[in-house]
Amino acid sequence: MDSVIVVNFGEDSKAYDALTKLKELGGQRQIDLAEAVVVVRREDGQLETKDVVGDESLSGTATGGIIGLIVGILGGPLGILLGGATGVLIGSLFDVHDDDETDSVLGELGRSVRVGRTALLAEVVEQSPEVVDTAMAELGGTIVRRDVDDVEAEIAAAEDAQRAAKRAARKELHEKRRAQAKEKIHAKIEELKAKLHRHPGGAGSH
């Protein structure tokens, strides 16, 4: 089972211990650890990367895989997610008082990374979830686990929604510019008419 997990801890320092533990489990072949990252959500909603484990082919960073994409989306400025059938602004997903249920996988992962707290995000291939669940429970961690295929599908949908929103925004801006241009042209014409009216004979008139 190829999964994306987000793990929260009562003590922020435990996230680093959990990252070390996942590396150990990977080294013991109990799991396959594709990539993992410890992040902190700042007050402005951005995600700050604190520690990373990734494939060596990715130069030791998580930016080349699914976790890198998730971090980019969840920490992005008002990235658009699809919550059920409606588009949901990502900013609303981190409101702890928002009880509105959503089918959004990314939304659930996003809510799991709380403001001011440290969390562990990882992609793991597991024979069964018990190995990671037990290891994280020993560190006081709470896990949200979602299938990678579901996460990838929603990332693609979110990207499509962002493109559609950008297209709509550009179209609206273009139409406003055209409207403003027409107003300026009309004003200029009226100004020229007024000048002509004041000088009906034209430049050669006496």
N, C-alpha and C. Protein backbone atom coordinates (compact mmCIF):
# COMPACT_ATOMS: atom_id res chain seq x y z
N MET A 1 0.85 -1.19 0.00
CA MET A 1 0.00 0.00 0.00
C MET A 1 0.89 1.24 0.00
N ASP A 2 0.73 2.06 -1.02
CA ASP A 2 1.51 3.30 -1.15
C ASP A 2 0.67 4.43 -0.57
N SER A 3 1.17 5.03 0.52
CA SER A 3 0.36 6.00 1.25
C SER A 3 1.12 7.30 1.51
N VAL A 4 0.34 8.36 1.65
CA VAL A 4 0.85 9.62 2.17
C VAL A 4 0.35 9.72 3.61
N ILE A 5 1.26 10.01 4.54
CA ILE A 5 0.85 10.15 5.93
C ILE A 5 1.26 11.53 6.45
N VAL A 6 0.41 12.07 7.33
CA VAL A 6 0.74 13.27 8.08
C VAL A 6 0.63 12.89 9.55
N VAL A 7 1.68 13.19 10.32
CA VAL A 7 1.69 12.80 11.72
C VAL A 7 1.90 14.04 12.59
N ASN A 8 1.01 14.21 13.57
CA ASN A 8 1.12 15.30 14.55
C ASN A 8 1.55 14.74 15.89
N PHE A 9 2.21 15.57 16.67
CA PHE A 9 2.72 15.14 17.97
C PHE A 9 2.40 16.16 19.05
N GLY A 10 2.26 15.67 20.27
CA GLY A 10 2.04 16.56 21.40
C GLY A 10 3.25 17.45 21.64
N GLU A 11 4.43 16.89 21.41
CA GLU A 11 5.68 17.65 21.52
C GLU A 11 6.28 17.78 20.13
N ASP A 12 6.56 19.02 19.71
CA ASP A 12 7.06 19.24 18.36
C ASP A 12 8.36 18.49 18.08
N SER A 13 9.21 18.33 19.09
CA SER A 13 10.50 17.66 18.90
C SER A 13 10.32 16.21 18.48
N LYS A 14 9.17 15.63 18.80
CA LYS A 14 8.93 14.22 18.46
C LYS A 14 8.85 14.01 16.95
N ALA A 15 8.54 15.07 16.20
CA ALA A 15 8.47 14.94 14.74
C ALA A 15 9.83 14.55 14.18
N TYR A 16 10.89 15.09 14.77
CA TYR A 16 12.24 14.75 14.31
C TYR A 16 12.59 13.31 14.69
N ASP A 17 12.17 12.90 15.90
CA ASP A 17 12.38 11.52 16.32
C ASP A 17 11.63 10.57 15.38
N ALA A 18 10.43 11.00 14.95
CA ALA A 18 9.62 10.16 14.06
C ALA A 18 10.28 10.02 12.70
N LEU A 19 10.90 11.10 12.22
CA LEU A 19 11.61 11.05 10.95
C LEU A 19 12.76 10.04 11.03
N THR A 20 13.50 10.08 12.15
CA THR A 20 14.59 9.13 12.36
C THR A 20 14.05 7.70 12.41
N LYS A 21 12.90 7.53 13.06
CA LYS A 21 12.30 6.20 13.18
C LYS A 21 11.88 5.66 11.82
N LEU A 22 11.31 6.50 10.99
CA LEU A 22 10.91 6.07 9.65
C LEU A 22 12.14 5.63 8.84
N LYS A 23 13.25 6.38 9.00
CA LYS A 23 14.48 6.00 8.31
C LYS A 23 14.96 4.62 8.78
N GLU A 24 14.85 4.40 10.09
CA GLU A 24 15.25 3.10 10.65
C GLU A 24 14.39 1.97 10.08
N LEU A 25 13.08 2.20 10.04
CA LEU A 25 12.16 1.19 9.51
C LEU A 25 12.44 0.92 8.04
N GLY A 26 12.80 1.97 7.32
CA GLY A 26 13.16 1.81 5.91
C GLY A 26 14.44 1.00 5.77
N GLY A 27 15.42 1.30 6.62
CA GLY A 27 16.68 0.56 6.58
C GLY A 27 16.50 -0.91 6.92
N GLN A 28 15.50 -1.19 7.77
CA GLN A 28 15.21 -2.57 8.17
C GLN A 28 14.28 -3.27 7.17
N ARG A 29 13.92 -2.55 6.10
CA ARG A 29 13.03 -3.08 5.06
C ARG A 29 11.62 -3.40 5.58
N GLN A 30 11.26 -2.81 6.72
CA GLN A 30 9.89 -3.02 7.21
C GLN A 30 8.92 -2.14 6.42
N ILE A 31 9.44 -1.04 5.90
CA ILE A 31 8.66 -0.18 5.01
C ILE A 31 9.60 0.30 3.91
N ASP A 32 9.03 0.87 2.87
CA ASP A 32 9.82 1.55 1.85
C ASP A 32 9.52 3.03 2.01
N LEU A 33 10.51 3.80 2.45
CA LEU A 33 10.33 5.23 2.67
C LEU A 33 10.74 5.98 1.41
N ALA A 34 9.77 6.49 0.67
CA ALA A 34 10.06 7.21 -0.57
C ALA A 34 10.63 8.59 -0.26
N GLU A 35 9.95 9.33 0.60
CA GLU A 35 10.42 10.65 1.02
C GLU A 35 9.65 11.08 2.25
N ALA A 36 10.27 11.95 3.02
CA ALA A 36 9.64 12.44 4.24
C ALA A 36 10.18 13.82 4.56
N VAL A 37 9.37 14.62 5.22
CA VAL A 37 9.78 15.98 5.55
C VAL A 37 9.11 16.42 6.84
N VAL A 38 9.87 17.12 7.67
CA VAL A 38 9.32 17.75 8.87
C VAL A 38 9.05 19.21 8.53
N VAL A 39 7.82 19.66 8.76
CA VAL A 39 7.46 21.04 8.42
C VAL A 39 6.83 21.74 9.62
N VAL A 40 6.90 23.07 9.58
CA VAL A 40 6.21 23.91 10.55
C VAL A 40 5.32 24.86 9.78
N ARG A 41 4.03 24.97 10.19
CA ARG A 41 3.16 25.94 9.54
C ARG A 41 3.27 27.27 10.28
N ARG A 42 3.73 28.28 9.55
CA ARG A 42 3.88 29.61 10.15
C ARG A 42 2.52 30.28 10.28
N GLU A 43 2.50 31.39 10.99
CA GLU A 43 1.23 32.11 11.23
C GLU A 43 0.60 32.60 9.93
N ASP A 44 1.44 32.84 8.91
CA ASP A 44 0.90 33.31 7.63
C ASP A 44 0.42 32.17 6.74
N GLY A 45 0.46 30.92 7.28
CA GLY A 45 -0.04 29.77 6.54
C GLY A 45 1.02 29.06 5.71
N GLN A 46 2.17 29.68 5.51
CA GLN A 46 3.23 29.05 4.74
C GLN A 46 3.83 27.88 5.51
N LEU A 47 4.31 26.89 4.76
CA LEU A 47 4.98 25.74 5.36
C LEU A 47 6.49 25.94 5.27
N GLU A 48 7.15 25.81 6.40
CA GLU A 48 8.61 25.93 6.44
C GLU A 48 9.20 24.54 6.65
N THR A 49 10.06 24.12 5.72
CA THR A 49 10.68 22.80 5.80
C THR A 49 11.84 22.83 6.79
N LYS A 50 11.80 21.89 7.74
CA LYS A 50 12.83 21.84 8.77
C LYS A 50 13.83 20.71 8.56
N ASP A 51 13.38 19.58 8.08
CA ASP A 51 14.27 18.43 7.88
C ASP A 51 13.67 17.55 6.78
N VAL A 52 14.53 16.95 5.97
CA VAL A 52 14.07 16.22 4.79
C VAL A 52 14.80 14.90 4.65
N VAL A 53 14.07 13.88 4.24
CA VAL A 53 14.67 12.62 3.81
C VAL A 53 14.08 12.32 2.44
N GLY A 54 14.94 12.08 1.45
CA GLY A 54 14.44 11.79 0.12
C GLY A 54 15.36 10.84 -0.60
N ASP A 55 14.92 10.43 -1.76
CA ASP A 55 15.74 9.58 -2.61
C ASP A 55 17.02 10.33 -2.98
N GLU A 56 18.15 9.62 -3.00
CA GLU A 56 19.42 10.28 -3.32
C GLU A 56 19.39 10.90 -4.70
N SER A 57 18.59 10.35 -5.59
CA SER A 57 18.49 10.89 -6.94
C SER A 57 17.81 12.26 -6.94
N LEU A 58 17.16 12.59 -5.82
CA LEU A 58 16.50 13.89 -5.70
C LEU A 58 17.40 14.89 -4.99
N SER A 59 18.70 14.57 -4.89
CA SER A 59 19.68 15.44 -4.24
C SER A 59 19.32 15.72 -2.79
N GLY A 60 18.74 14.73 -2.15
CA GLY A 60 18.46 14.86 -0.72
C GLY A 60 17.31 15.78 -0.38
N THR A 61 16.49 16.11 -1.35
CA THR A 61 15.35 16.97 -1.06
C THR A 61 14.05 16.24 -1.37
N ALA A 62 12.97 16.77 -0.82
CA ALA A 62 11.65 16.17 -1.07
C ALA A 62 10.93 16.88 -2.19
N THR A 63 11.61 17.83 -2.84
CA THR A 63 10.92 18.65 -3.84
C THR A 63 10.65 17.91 -5.14
N GLY A 64 11.29 16.75 -5.32
CA GLY A 64 11.12 16.07 -6.59
C GLY A 64 10.00 15.06 -6.61
N GLY A 65 9.30 14.86 -5.49
CA GLY A 65 8.27 13.84 -5.41
C GLY A 65 6.93 14.37 -4.97
N ILE A 66 6.05 13.44 -4.62
CA ILE A 66 4.68 13.79 -4.26
C ILE A 66 4.63 14.64 -3.00
N ILE A 67 5.54 14.39 -2.03
CA ILE A 67 5.55 15.17 -0.79
C ILE A 67 5.91 16.62 -1.09
N GLY A 68 6.86 16.82 -2.00
CA GLY A 68 7.21 18.18 -2.40
C GLY A 68 6.04 18.92 -3.00
N LEU A 69 5.25 18.20 -3.82
CA LEU A 69 4.06 18.82 -4.42
C LEU A 69 3.04 19.19 -3.34
N ILE A 70 2.85 18.27 -2.39
CA ILE A 70 1.88 18.53 -1.31
C ILE A 70 2.29 19.74 -0.49
N VAL A 71 3.57 19.80 -0.14
CA VAL A 71 4.07 20.94 0.64
C VAL A 71 3.84 22.24 -0.14
N GLY A 72 4.10 22.19 -1.44
CA GLY A 72 3.91 23.39 -2.26
C GLY A 72 2.46 23.83 -2.32
N ILE A 73 1.55 22.87 -2.42
CA ILE A 73 0.12 23.19 -2.51
C ILE A 73 -0.42 23.65 -1.16
N LEU A 74 -0.13 22.88 -0.11
CA LEU A 74 -0.68 23.20 1.21
C LEU A 74 -0.11 24.50 1.75
N GLY A 75 1.10 24.85 1.33
CA GLY A 75 1.70 26.08 1.82
C GLY A 75 1.55 27.23 0.86
N GLY A 76 0.88 26.99 -0.27
CA GLY A 76 0.75 28.01 -1.29
C GLY A 76 -0.27 29.08 -0.91
N PRO A 77 -0.14 30.25 -1.52
CA PRO A 77 -1.06 31.36 -1.22
C PRO A 77 -2.45 31.11 -1.81
N LEU A 78 -3.37 30.75 -0.95
CA LEU A 78 -4.76 30.52 -1.37
C LEU A 78 -4.86 29.59 -2.56
N GLY A 79 -4.10 28.50 -2.52
CA GLY A 79 -4.22 27.50 -3.57
C GLY A 79 -5.63 26.94 -3.55
N ILE A 80 -6.16 26.61 -4.71
CA ILE A 80 -7.55 26.14 -4.78
C ILE A 80 -7.59 24.63 -4.67
N LEU A 81 -8.41 24.15 -3.74
CA LEU A 81 -8.63 22.72 -3.60
C LEU A 81 -10.07 22.41 -3.97
N LEU A 82 -10.31 21.16 -4.31
CA LEU A 82 -11.67 20.76 -4.62
C LEU A 82 -12.25 20.04 -3.42
N GLY A 83 -13.19 20.68 -2.77
CA GLY A 83 -13.85 20.07 -1.62
C GLY A 83 -15.20 19.55 -2.08
N GLY A 84 -15.29 18.24 -2.34
CA GLY A 84 -16.53 17.71 -2.89
C GLY A 84 -16.72 18.26 -4.29
N ALA A 85 -17.87 18.83 -4.55
CA ALA A 85 -18.18 19.34 -5.89
C ALA A 85 -17.85 20.82 -6.03
N THR A 86 -17.44 21.45 -4.94
CA THR A 86 -17.22 22.89 -4.99
C THR A 86 -15.77 23.23 -4.73
N GLY A 87 -15.31 24.33 -5.30
CA GLY A 87 -13.94 24.78 -5.07
C GLY A 87 -13.83 25.41 -3.69
N VAL A 88 -12.81 25.04 -2.96
CA VAL A 88 -12.63 25.57 -1.61
C VAL A 88 -11.28 26.27 -1.54
N LEU A 89 -11.28 27.49 -1.06
CA LEU A 89 -10.01 28.19 -0.89
C LEU A 89 -9.24 27.53 0.24
N ILE A 90 -7.97 27.32 0.01
CA ILE A 90 -7.17 26.59 0.98
C ILE A 90 -7.11 27.29 2.33
N GLY A 91 -7.20 28.63 2.33
CA GLY A 91 -7.14 29.36 3.59
C GLY A 91 -8.22 28.93 4.57
N SER A 92 -9.38 28.56 4.05
CA SER A 92 -10.49 28.18 4.92
C SER A 92 -10.29 26.80 5.53
N LEU A 93 -9.37 26.02 4.95
CA LEU A 93 -9.19 24.65 5.40
C LEU A 93 -8.43 24.57 6.73
N PHE A 94 -7.82 25.68 7.14
CA PHE A 94 -7.03 25.63 8.35
C PHE A 94 -7.74 26.30 9.52
N ASP A 95 -9.00 26.59 9.35
CA ASP A 95 -9.81 27.16 10.42
C ASP A 95 -10.23 26.03 11.35
N VAL A 96 -9.69 26.04 12.56
CA VAL A 96 -9.97 24.92 13.48
C VAL A 96 -11.43 24.91 13.91
N HIS A 97 -12.12 26.02 13.70
CA HIS A 97 -13.52 26.10 14.10
C HIS A 97 -14.46 25.70 12.95
N ASP A 98 -13.87 25.38 11.81
CA ASP A 98 -14.68 25.03 10.64
C ASP A 98 -15.06 23.56 10.70
N ASP A 99 -16.32 23.30 10.97
CA ASP A 99 -16.79 21.92 11.10
C ASP A 99 -17.36 21.38 9.79
N ASP A 100 -17.26 22.18 8.75
CA ASP A 100 -17.82 21.76 7.47
C ASP A 100 -17.06 20.55 6.95
N GLU A 101 -17.76 19.46 6.73
CA GLU A 101 -17.10 18.25 6.26
C GLU A 101 -16.81 18.37 4.76
N THR A 102 -15.71 17.84 4.36
CA THR A 102 -15.33 17.91 2.96
C THR A 102 -14.75 16.58 2.53
N ASP A 103 -14.92 16.28 1.26
CA ASP A 103 -14.36 15.06 0.71
C ASP A 103 -12.92 15.28 0.25
N SER A 104 -12.39 16.48 0.46
CA SER A 104 -11.08 16.82 -0.03
C SER A 104 -9.97 16.11 0.74
N VAL A 105 -9.19 15.30 0.03
CA VAL A 105 -8.06 14.61 0.64
C VAL A 105 -7.00 15.63 1.04
N LEU A 106 -6.68 16.54 0.11
CA LEU A 106 -5.68 17.56 0.42
C LEU A 106 -6.14 18.46 1.56
N GLY A 107 -7.45 18.72 1.59
CA GLY A 107 -7.99 19.53 2.68
C GLY A 107 -7.76 18.88 4.03
N GLU A 108 -7.98 17.57 4.09
CA GLU A 108 -7.79 16.86 5.35
C GLU A 108 -6.32 16.84 5.74
N LEU A 109 -5.44 16.63 4.77
CA LEU A 109 -4.01 16.66 5.05
C LEU A 109 -3.60 18.06 5.51
N GLY A 110 -4.18 19.07 4.85
CA GLY A 110 -3.85 20.45 5.19
C GLY A 110 -4.26 20.81 6.60
N ARG A 111 -5.46 20.39 7.00
CA ARG A 111 -5.94 20.68 8.35
C ARG A 111 -5.07 19.99 9.40
N SER A 112 -4.42 18.90 9.00
CA SER A 112 -3.60 18.15 9.94
C SER A 112 -2.30 18.87 10.27
N VAL A 113 -1.89 19.79 9.40
CA VAL A 113 -0.67 20.56 9.66
C VAL A 113 -1.11 21.88 10.30
N ARG A 114 -1.09 21.91 11.63
CA ARG A 114 -1.68 23.03 12.35
C ARG A 114 -0.72 24.21 12.45
N VAL A 115 -1.30 25.40 12.51
CA VAL A 115 -0.52 26.63 12.61
C VAL A 115 0.33 26.62 13.88
N GLY A 116 1.61 26.95 13.71
CA GLY A 116 2.50 27.04 14.85
C GLY A 116 3.02 25.70 15.35
N ARG A 117 2.64 24.60 14.68
CA ARG A 117 3.05 23.28 15.14
C ARG A 117 3.90 22.58 14.08
N THR A 118 4.68 21.61 14.55
CA THR A 118 5.53 20.81 13.68
C THR A 118 4.83 19.50 13.33
N ALA A 119 4.94 19.10 12.09
CA ALA A 119 4.31 17.85 11.65
C ALA A 119 5.26 17.11 10.71
N LEU A 120 5.02 15.82 10.57
CA LEU A 120 5.80 14.96 9.69
C LEU A 120 4.93 14.55 8.51
N LEU A 121 5.41 14.79 7.29
CA LEU A 121 4.74 14.32 6.08
C LEU A 121 5.64 13.31 5.41
N ALA A 122 5.06 12.19 4.97
CA ALA A 122 5.88 11.17 4.34
C ALA A 122 5.08 10.36 3.34
N GLU A 123 5.81 9.82 2.36
CA GLU A 123 5.23 8.81 1.46
C GLU A 123 5.88 7.48 1.80
N VAL A 124 5.07 6.51 2.17
CA VAL A 124 5.58 5.21 2.58
C VAL A 124 4.84 4.09 1.85
N VAL A 125 5.58 3.05 1.54
CA VAL A 125 4.98 1.84 0.98
C VAL A 125 5.00 0.80 2.10
N GLU A 126 3.79 0.34 2.49
CA GLU A 126 3.66 -0.53 3.65
C GLU A 126 3.00 -1.86 3.27
N GLN A 127 3.43 -2.93 3.93
CA GLN A 127 2.72 -4.20 3.80
C GLN A 127 1.40 -4.11 4.56
N SER A 128 1.45 -3.45 5.72
CA SER A 128 0.25 -3.16 6.52
C SER A 128 0.56 -1.92 7.34
N PRO A 129 -0.47 -1.19 7.76
CA PRO A 129 -0.24 0.07 8.48
C PRO A 129 0.25 -0.10 9.92
N GLU A 130 0.20 -1.32 10.45
CA GLU A 130 0.50 -1.51 11.87
C GLU A 130 1.92 -1.09 12.24
N VAL A 131 2.89 -1.34 11.34
CA VAL A 131 4.29 -1.04 11.66
C VAL A 131 4.48 0.45 11.95
N VAL A 132 4.01 1.27 11.02
CA VAL A 132 4.16 2.73 11.19
C VAL A 132 3.26 3.23 12.31
N ASP A 133 2.02 2.71 12.36
CA ASP A 133 1.10 3.14 13.41
C ASP A 133 1.68 2.91 14.80
N THR A 134 2.25 1.74 15.01
CA THR A 134 2.83 1.40 16.31
C THR A 134 4.00 2.32 16.64
N ALA A 135 4.88 2.53 15.65
CA ALA A 135 6.06 3.38 15.86
C ALA A 135 5.67 4.82 16.18
N MET A 136 4.68 5.33 15.48
CA MET A 136 4.26 6.71 15.72
C MET A 136 3.51 6.83 17.04
N ALA A 137 2.73 5.82 17.40
CA ALA A 137 1.98 5.84 18.66
C ALA A 137 2.94 5.88 19.84
N GLU A 138 4.07 5.18 19.73
CA GLU A 138 5.06 5.18 20.80
C GLU A 138 5.65 6.57 21.03
N LEU A 139 5.60 7.41 19.99
CA LEU A 139 6.10 8.78 20.10
C LEU A 139 4.97 9.77 20.36
N GLY A 140 3.76 9.24 20.56
CA GLY A 140 2.62 10.11 20.83
C GLY A 140 2.05 10.77 19.59
N GLY A 141 2.27 10.13 18.43
CA GLY A 141 1.84 10.72 17.17
C GLY A 141 0.44 10.31 16.77
N THR A 142 -0.26 11.23 16.10
CA THR A 142 -1.59 10.97 15.55
C THR A 142 -1.47 11.01 14.03
N ILE A 143 -1.90 9.92 13.38
CA ILE A 143 -1.68 9.78 11.94
C ILE A 143 -2.94 10.01 11.12
N VAL A 144 -2.76 10.74 10.00
CA VAL A 144 -3.76 10.79 8.93
C VAL A 144 -3.11 10.12 7.74
N ARG A 145 -3.74 9.08 7.20
CA ARG A 145 -3.15 8.30 6.10
C ARG A 145 -4.11 8.31 4.91
N ARG A 146 -3.57 8.61 3.73
CA ARG A 146 -4.38 8.60 2.52
C ARG A 146 -3.62 7.92 1.39
N ASP A 147 -4.35 7.25 0.52
CA ASP A 147 -3.75 6.54 -0.61
C ASP A 147 -3.11 7.54 -1.57
N VAL A 148 -1.90 7.21 -2.04
CA VAL A 148 -1.18 8.11 -2.93
C VAL A 148 -1.98 8.39 -4.21
N ASP A 149 -2.67 7.38 -4.74
CA ASP A 149 -3.45 7.58 -5.96
C ASP A 149 -4.52 8.65 -5.76
N ASP A 150 -5.17 8.64 -4.58
CA ASP A 150 -6.20 9.64 -4.29
C ASP A 150 -5.59 11.04 -4.18
N VAL A 151 -4.41 11.10 -3.55
CA VAL A 151 -3.73 12.39 -3.39
C VAL A 151 -3.32 12.94 -4.75
N GLU A 152 -2.74 12.06 -5.59
CA GLU A 152 -2.30 12.50 -6.92
C GLU A 152 -3.48 12.97 -7.76
N ALA A 153 -4.60 12.25 -7.68
CA ALA A 153 -5.79 12.64 -8.45
C ALA A 153 -6.27 14.01 -8.03
N GLU A 154 -6.22 14.29 -6.73
CA GLU A 154 -6.72 15.59 -6.27
C GLU A 154 -5.73 16.71 -6.58
N ILE A 155 -4.43 16.40 -6.55
CA ILE A 155 -3.45 17.40 -6.95
C ILE A 155 -3.69 17.81 -8.40
N ALA A 156 -3.95 16.81 -9.26
CA ALA A 156 -4.23 17.10 -10.66
C ALA A 156 -5.50 17.95 -10.80
N ALA A 157 -6.52 17.61 -10.01
CA ALA A 157 -7.77 18.37 -10.04
C ALA A 157 -7.55 19.79 -9.53
N ALA A 158 -6.73 19.92 -8.49
CA ALA A 158 -6.44 21.25 -7.94
C ALA A 158 -5.69 22.09 -8.96
N GLU A 159 -4.77 21.45 -9.68
CA GLU A 159 -4.03 22.17 -10.71
C GLU A 159 -4.97 22.66 -11.81
N ASP A 160 -5.89 21.78 -12.23
CA ASP A 160 -6.87 22.16 -13.24
C ASP A 160 -7.71 23.33 -12.76
N ALA A 161 -8.11 23.27 -11.48
CA ALA A 161 -8.95 24.33 -10.91
C ALA A 161 -8.18 25.65 -10.86
N GLN A 162 -6.89 25.57 -10.51
CA GLN A 162 -6.07 26.78 -10.46
C GLN A 162 -5.93 27.39 -11.85
N ARG A 163 -5.73 26.53 -12.85
CA ARG A 163 -5.61 27.04 -14.21
C ARG A 163 -6.90 27.70 -14.66
N ALA A 164 -8.03 27.04 -14.34
CA ALA A 164 -9.33 27.60 -14.71
C ALA A 164 -9.55 28.95 -14.02
N ALA A 165 -9.16 29.03 -12.75
CA ALA A 165 -9.32 30.28 -12.00
C ALA A 165 -8.45 31.38 -12.59
N LYS A 166 -7.22 31.01 -12.98
CA LYS A 166 -6.32 32.01 -13.58
C LYS A 166 -6.88 32.49 -14.91
N ARG A 167 -7.41 31.53 -15.70
CA ARG A 167 -7.99 31.93 -16.99
C ARG A 167 -9.16 32.87 -16.78
N ALA A 168 -10.01 32.55 -15.80
CA ALA A 168 -11.17 33.40 -15.52
C ALA A 168 -10.73 34.77 -15.05
N ALA A 169 -9.68 34.80 -14.21
CA ALA A 169 -9.18 36.07 -13.69
C ALA A 169 -8.59 36.91 -14.82
N ARG A 170 -7.82 36.24 -15.72
CA ARG A 170 -7.23 36.98 -16.84
C ARG A 170 -8.31 37.52 -17.77
N LYS A 171 -9.36 36.71 -18.00
CA LYS A 171 -10.45 37.14 -18.87
C LYS A 171 -11.15 38.36 -18.28
N GLU A 172 -11.41 38.29 -16.95
CA GLU A 172 -12.08 39.42 -16.29
C GLU A 172 -11.22 40.67 -16.35
N LEU A 173 -9.91 40.49 -16.13
CA LEU A 173 -9.00 41.63 -16.18
C LEU A 173 -8.95 42.23 -17.57
N HIS A 174 -8.91 41.34 -18.58
CA HIS A 174 -8.88 41.81 -19.97
C HIS A 174 -10.15 42.59 -20.30
N GLU A 175 -11.30 42.07 -19.85
CA GLU A 175 -12.56 42.76 -20.13
C GLU A 175 -12.61 44.11 -19.42
N LYS A 176 -12.08 44.17 -18.20
CA LYS A 176 -12.06 45.45 -17.47
C LYS A 176 -11.16 46.45 -18.18
N ARG A 177 -10.02 45.94 -18.65
CA ARG A 177 -9.10 46.82 -19.38
C ARG A 177 -9.75 47.35 -20.64
N ARG A 178 -10.46 46.46 -21.36
CA ARG A 178 -11.16 46.88 -22.57
C ARG A 178 -12.21 47.94 -22.25
N ALA A 179 -12.95 47.70 -21.16
CA ALA A 179 -13.99 48.65 -20.74
C ALA A 179 -13.37 50.00 -20.39
N GLN A 180 -12.23 49.93 -19.65
CA GLN A 180 -11.55 51.17 -19.28
C GLN A 180 -11.02 51.88 -20.52
N ALA A 181 -10.49 51.09 -21.46
CA ALA A 181 -9.96 51.66 -22.69
C ALA A 181 -11.07 52.35 -23.47
N LYS A 182 -12.24 51.71 -23.54
CA LYS A 182 -13.37 52.31 -24.24
C LYS A 182 -13.78 53.62 -23.59
N GLU A 183 -13.79 53.62 -22.24
CA GLU A 183 -14.15 54.84 -21.51
C GLU A 183 -13.16 55.96 -21.81
N LYS A 184 -11.87 55.61 -21.84
CA LYS A 184 -10.84 56.62 -22.12
C LYS A 184 -10.97 57.13 -23.55
N ILE A 185 -11.22 56.19 -24.48
CA ILE A 185 -11.39 56.59 -25.88
C ILE A 185 -12.59 57.50 -26.03
N HIS A 186 -13.69 57.09 -25.38
CA HIS A 186 -14.91 57.90 -25.45
C HIS A 186 -14.67 59.29 -24.86
N ALA A 187 -13.97 59.33 -23.72
CA ALA A 187 -13.68 60.61 -23.07
C ALA A 187 -12.81 61.48 -23.98
N LYS A 188 -11.83 60.84 -24.62
CA LYS A 188 -10.95 61.59 -25.52
C LYS A 188 -11.73 62.15 -26.70
N ILE A 189 -12.62 61.35 -27.26
CA ILE A 189 -13.45 61.81 -28.38
C ILE A 189 -14.32 62.99 -27.96
N GLU A 190 -14.92 62.86 -26.77
CA GLU A 190 -15.77 63.95 -26.26
C GLU A 190 -14.95 65.22 -26.06
N GLU A 191 -13.71 65.02 -25.59
CA GLU A 191 -12.84 66.18 -25.38
C GLU A 191 -12.51 66.86 -26.71
N LEU A 192 -12.23 66.06 -27.73
CA LEU A 192 -11.93 66.60 -29.04
C LEU A 192 -13.16 67.29 -29.65
N LYS A 193 -14.33 66.70 -29.44
CA LYS A 193 -15.57 67.31 -29.93
C LYS A 193 -15.79 68.67 -29.28
N ALA A 194 -15.48 68.69 -27.96
CA ALA A 194 -15.68 69.95 -27.22
C ALA A 194 -14.74 71.03 -27.77
N LYS A 195 -13.50 70.65 -28.06
CA LYS A 195 -12.55 71.61 -28.62
C LYS A 195 -13.02 72.09 -29.98
N LEU A 196 -13.52 71.11 -30.78
CA LEU A 196 -14.01 71.45 -32.11
C LEU A 196 -15.20 72.40 -32.00
N HIS A 197 -16.05 72.14 -30.98
CA HIS A 197 -17.21 72.99 -30.78
C HIS A 197 -16.82 74.40 -30.40
N ARG A 198 -15.73 74.51 -29.62
CA ARG A 198 -15.26 75.84 -29.22
C ARG A 198 -14.59 76.57 -30.37
N HIS A 199 -14.06 75.80 -31.32
CA HIS A 199 -13.39 76.38 -32.49
C HIS A 199 -14.01 75.82 -33.76
N PRO A 200 -15.24 76.18 -34.04
CA PRO A 200 -15.96 75.55 -35.15
C PRO A 200 -15.31 75.77 -36.50
N GLY A 201 -14.53 76.81 -36.62
CA GLY A 201 -13.93 77.07 -37.94
C GLY A 201 -12.66 76.31 -38.17
N GLY A 202 -12.18 75.64 -37.14
CA GLY A 202 -10.93 74.90 -37.31
C GLY A 202 -9.74 75.81 -37.16
N ALA A 203 -8.56 75.31 -37.45
CA ALA A 203 -7.31 76.05 -37.22
C ALA A 203 -7.18 77.24 -38.14
N GLY A 204 -7.79 77.16 -39.37
CA GLY A 204 -7.63 78.27 -40.34
C GLY A 204 -8.68 79.34 -40.18
N SER A 205 -9.55 79.21 -39.21
CA SER A 205 -10.67 80.16 -39.06
C SER A 205 -10.21 81.43 -38.36
N HIS A 206 -10.83 82.60 -38.70
CA HIS A 206 -10.55 83.85 -38.04
C HIS A 206 -11.80 84.36 -37.37
